[in-house]
Amino acid sequence: MLLFVQGGDFQAKVRENRLIGHKITDWEKFRAFVETHGDKTQVEMAQLWEGDISDRTISRALKKIGFTRKKRPTATVKQMKPNAKPLWNS
C-alpha cells in the first residue's frame, strides 16, 4: 500500500545570491592597466595589480575586454620548394 502525503510544494527553491564580490570592478581602470602593462605575463600582471588577485582572474578579465596578442611574430622566410621529381609518372 502506498502512502501519499498531501500539501507538498513543487515550486523552485529560491537560491541565495552566489555572486561573491568581483575582484575587478572598474573596467576602464583595468583597460588602462592592460595598455600600460600589456607586455607582461598574466602572473606578472596579477602581482602588479592592486589587491590580491590571481593570474586566472586576469586571464578571464582580459578575455572579457577582448584583449588578445600574438605570443611570437609569424615571420615566414622560407617558401615551399618545388619537388625535384613529380609525384605522378609521366
C-alpha atoms as a PDB file:
ATOM      1  CA  MET A   1       0.000   0.000   0.000  1.00  0.00           C
ATOM      2  CA  LEU A   2       1.413   3.407  -0.998  1.00  0.00           C
ATOM      3  CA  LEU A   3       1.014   6.365   1.294  1.00  0.00           C
ATOM      4  CA  PHE A   4       0.952   9.816  -0.288  1.00  0.00           C
ATOM      5  CA  VAL A   5       1.492  12.972   1.735  1.00  0.00           C
ATOM      6  CA  GLN A   6      -0.511  15.934   0.531  1.00  0.00           C
ATOM      7  CA  GLY A   7       0.497  19.541   0.814  1.00  0.00           C
ATOM      8  CA  GLY A   8       3.868  19.244  -0.909  1.00  0.00           C
ATOM      9  CA  ASP A   9       5.352  22.181  -2.771  1.00  0.00           C
ATOM     10  CA  PHE A  10       6.620  21.874  -6.338  1.00  0.00           C
ATOM     11  CA  GLN A  11       7.934  25.428  -6.628  1.00  0.00           C
ATOM     12  CA  ALA A  12      11.609  26.021  -7.334  1.00  0.00           C
ATOM     13  CA  LYS A  13      13.696  26.826  -4.306  1.00  0.00           C
ATOM     14  CA  VAL A  14      14.964  30.365  -4.050  1.00  0.00           C
ATOM     15  CA  ARG A  15      18.741  30.319  -4.041  1.00  0.00           C
ATOM     16  CA  GLU A  16      20.958  32.808  -2.346  1.00  0.00           C
ATOM     17  CA  ASN A  17      22.948  35.194  -4.465  1.00  0.00           C
ATOM     18  CA  ARG A  18      26.029  33.191  -5.401  1.00  0.00           C
ATOM     19  CA  LEU A  19      27.947  36.181  -6.729  1.00  0.00           C
ATOM     20  CA  ILE A  20      30.831  36.912  -4.464  1.00  0.00           C
ATOM     21  CA  GLY A  21      32.477  40.315  -4.715  1.00  0.00           C
ATOM     22  CA  HIS A  22      34.288  40.642  -8.018  1.00  0.00           C
ATOM     23  CA  LYS A  23      37.977  41.488  -7.890  1.00  0.00           C
ATOM     24  CA  ILE A  24      37.851  43.859 -10.866  1.00  0.00           C
ATOM     25  CA  THR A  25      35.052  46.394 -10.750  1.00  0.00           C
ATOM     26  CA  ASP A  26      36.492  49.417 -12.558  1.00  0.00           C
ATOM     27  CA  TRP A  27      36.850  48.189 -16.137  1.00  0.00           C
ATOM     28  CA  GLU A  28      38.180  51.476 -17.534  1.00  0.00           C
ATOM     29  CA  LYS A  29      40.957  51.396 -14.951  1.00  0.00           C
ATOM     30  CA  PHE A  30      41.703  47.783 -15.902  1.00  0.00           C
ATOM     31  CA  ARG A  31      41.843  48.692 -19.625  1.00  0.00           C
ATOM     32  CA  ALA A  32      44.352  51.454 -18.849  1.00  0.00           C
ATOM     33  CA  PHE A  33      46.347  48.992 -16.735  1.00  0.00           C
ATOM     34  CA  VAL A  34      46.419  46.500 -19.620  1.00  0.00           C
ATOM     35  CA  GLU A  35      47.528  49.168 -22.093  1.00  0.00           C
ATOM     36  CA  THR A  36      50.376  50.070 -19.753  1.00  0.00           C
ATOM     37  CA  HIS A  37      51.424  46.540 -18.769  1.00  0.00           C
ATOM     38  CA  GLY A  38      50.303  44.570 -21.841  1.00  0.00           C
ATOM     39  CA  ASP A  39      53.815  43.270 -22.476  1.00  0.00           C
ATOM     40  CA  LYS A  40      53.905  41.404 -19.158  1.00  0.00           C
ATOM     41  CA  THR A  41      52.687  37.876 -18.457  1.00  0.00           C
ATOM     42  CA  GLN A  42      49.435  37.275 -16.610  1.00  0.00           C
ATOM     43  CA  VAL A  43      51.328  36.249 -13.472  1.00  0.00           C
ATOM     44  CA  GLU A  44      53.316  39.497 -13.543  1.00  0.00           C
ATOM     45  CA  MET A  45      50.145  41.499 -14.174  1.00  0.00           C
ATOM     46  CA  ALA A  46      48.477  39.821 -11.182  1.00  0.00           C
ATOM     47  CA  GLN A  47      51.416  40.820  -8.988  1.00  0.00           C
ATOM     48  CA  LEU A  48      51.293  44.423 -10.229  1.00  0.00           C
ATOM     49  CA  TRP A  49      47.506  44.810  -9.828  1.00  0.00           C
ATOM     50  CA  GLU A  50      46.463  46.412  -6.583  1.00  0.00           C
ATOM     51  CA  GLY A  51      44.931  43.964  -4.159  1.00  0.00           C
ATOM     52  CA  ASP A  52      45.018  40.181  -4.068  1.00  0.00           C
ATOM     53  CA  ILE A  53      44.177  38.762  -7.496  1.00  0.00           C
ATOM     54  CA  SER A  54      45.112  35.571  -9.334  1.00  0.00           C
ATOM     55  CA  ASP A  55      46.541  35.155 -12.802  1.00  0.00           C
ATOM     56  CA  ARG A  56      43.406  33.188 -13.755  1.00  0.00           C
ATOM     57  CA  THR A  57      41.254  36.182 -12.828  1.00  0.00           C
ATOM     58  CA  ILE A  58      43.478  38.364 -15.014  1.00  0.00           C
ATOM     59  CA  SER A  59      43.001  35.836 -17.824  1.00  0.00           C
ATOM     60  CA  ARG A  60      39.200  35.937 -17.559  1.00  0.00           C
ATOM     61  CA  ALA A  61      39.227  39.742 -17.381  1.00  0.00           C
ATOM     62  CA  LEU A  62      41.455  40.015 -20.470  1.00  0.00           C
ATOM     63  CA  LYS A  63      39.065  37.772 -22.358  1.00  0.00           C
ATOM     64  CA  LYS A  64      36.111  39.846 -21.166  1.00  0.00           C
ATOM     65  CA  ILE A  65      37.578  43.081 -22.541  1.00  0.00           C
ATOM     66  CA  GLY A  66      38.666  41.341 -25.748  1.00  0.00           C
ATOM     67  CA  PHE A  67      42.414  41.805 -25.285  1.00  0.00           C
ATOM     68  CA  THR A  68      44.487  39.318 -27.289  1.00  0.00           C
ATOM     69  CA  ARG A  69      48.023  39.328 -28.567  1.00  0.00           C
ATOM     70  CA  LYS A  70      50.299  37.062 -30.516  1.00  0.00           C
ATOM     71  CA  LYS A  71      52.989  35.410 -28.472  1.00  0.00           C
ATOM     72  CA  ARG A  72      55.537  35.263 -31.305  1.00  0.00           C
ATOM     73  CA  PRO A  73      55.787  37.102 -34.592  1.00  0.00           C
ATOM     74  CA  THR A  74      54.938  34.909 -37.523  1.00  0.00           C
ATOM     75  CA  ALA A  75      57.706  35.658 -39.983  1.00  0.00           C
ATOM     76  CA  THR A  76      57.798  33.105 -42.791  1.00  0.00           C
ATOM     77  CA  VAL A  77      61.149  33.356 -44.514  1.00  0.00           C
ATOM     78  CA  LYS A  78      61.266  30.078 -46.413  1.00  0.00           C
ATOM     79  CA  GLN A  79      58.884  29.270 -49.185  1.00  0.00           C
ATOM     80  CA  MET A  80      57.863  25.818 -50.294  1.00  0.00           C
ATOM     81  CA  LYS A  81      60.403  24.253 -52.590  1.00  0.00           C
ATOM     82  CA  PRO A  82      59.134  22.552 -55.737  1.00  0.00           C
ATOM     83  CA  ASN A  83      59.673  18.820 -55.840  1.00  0.00           C
ATOM     84  CA  ALA A  84      62.628  17.624 -57.890  1.00  0.00           C
ATOM     85  CA  LYS A  85      60.525  14.893 -59.448  1.00  0.00           C
ATOM     86  CA  PRO A  86      56.770  14.838 -59.839  1.00  0.00           C
ATOM     87  CA  LEU A  87      54.596  12.574 -57.741  1.00  0.00           C
ATOM     88  CA  TRP A  88      52.931  11.103 -60.833  1.00  0.00           C
ATOM     89  CA  ASN A  89      54.554   9.075 -63.573  1.00  0.00           C
ATOM     90  CA  SER A  90      54.644  10.818 -66.921  1.00  0.00           C
END
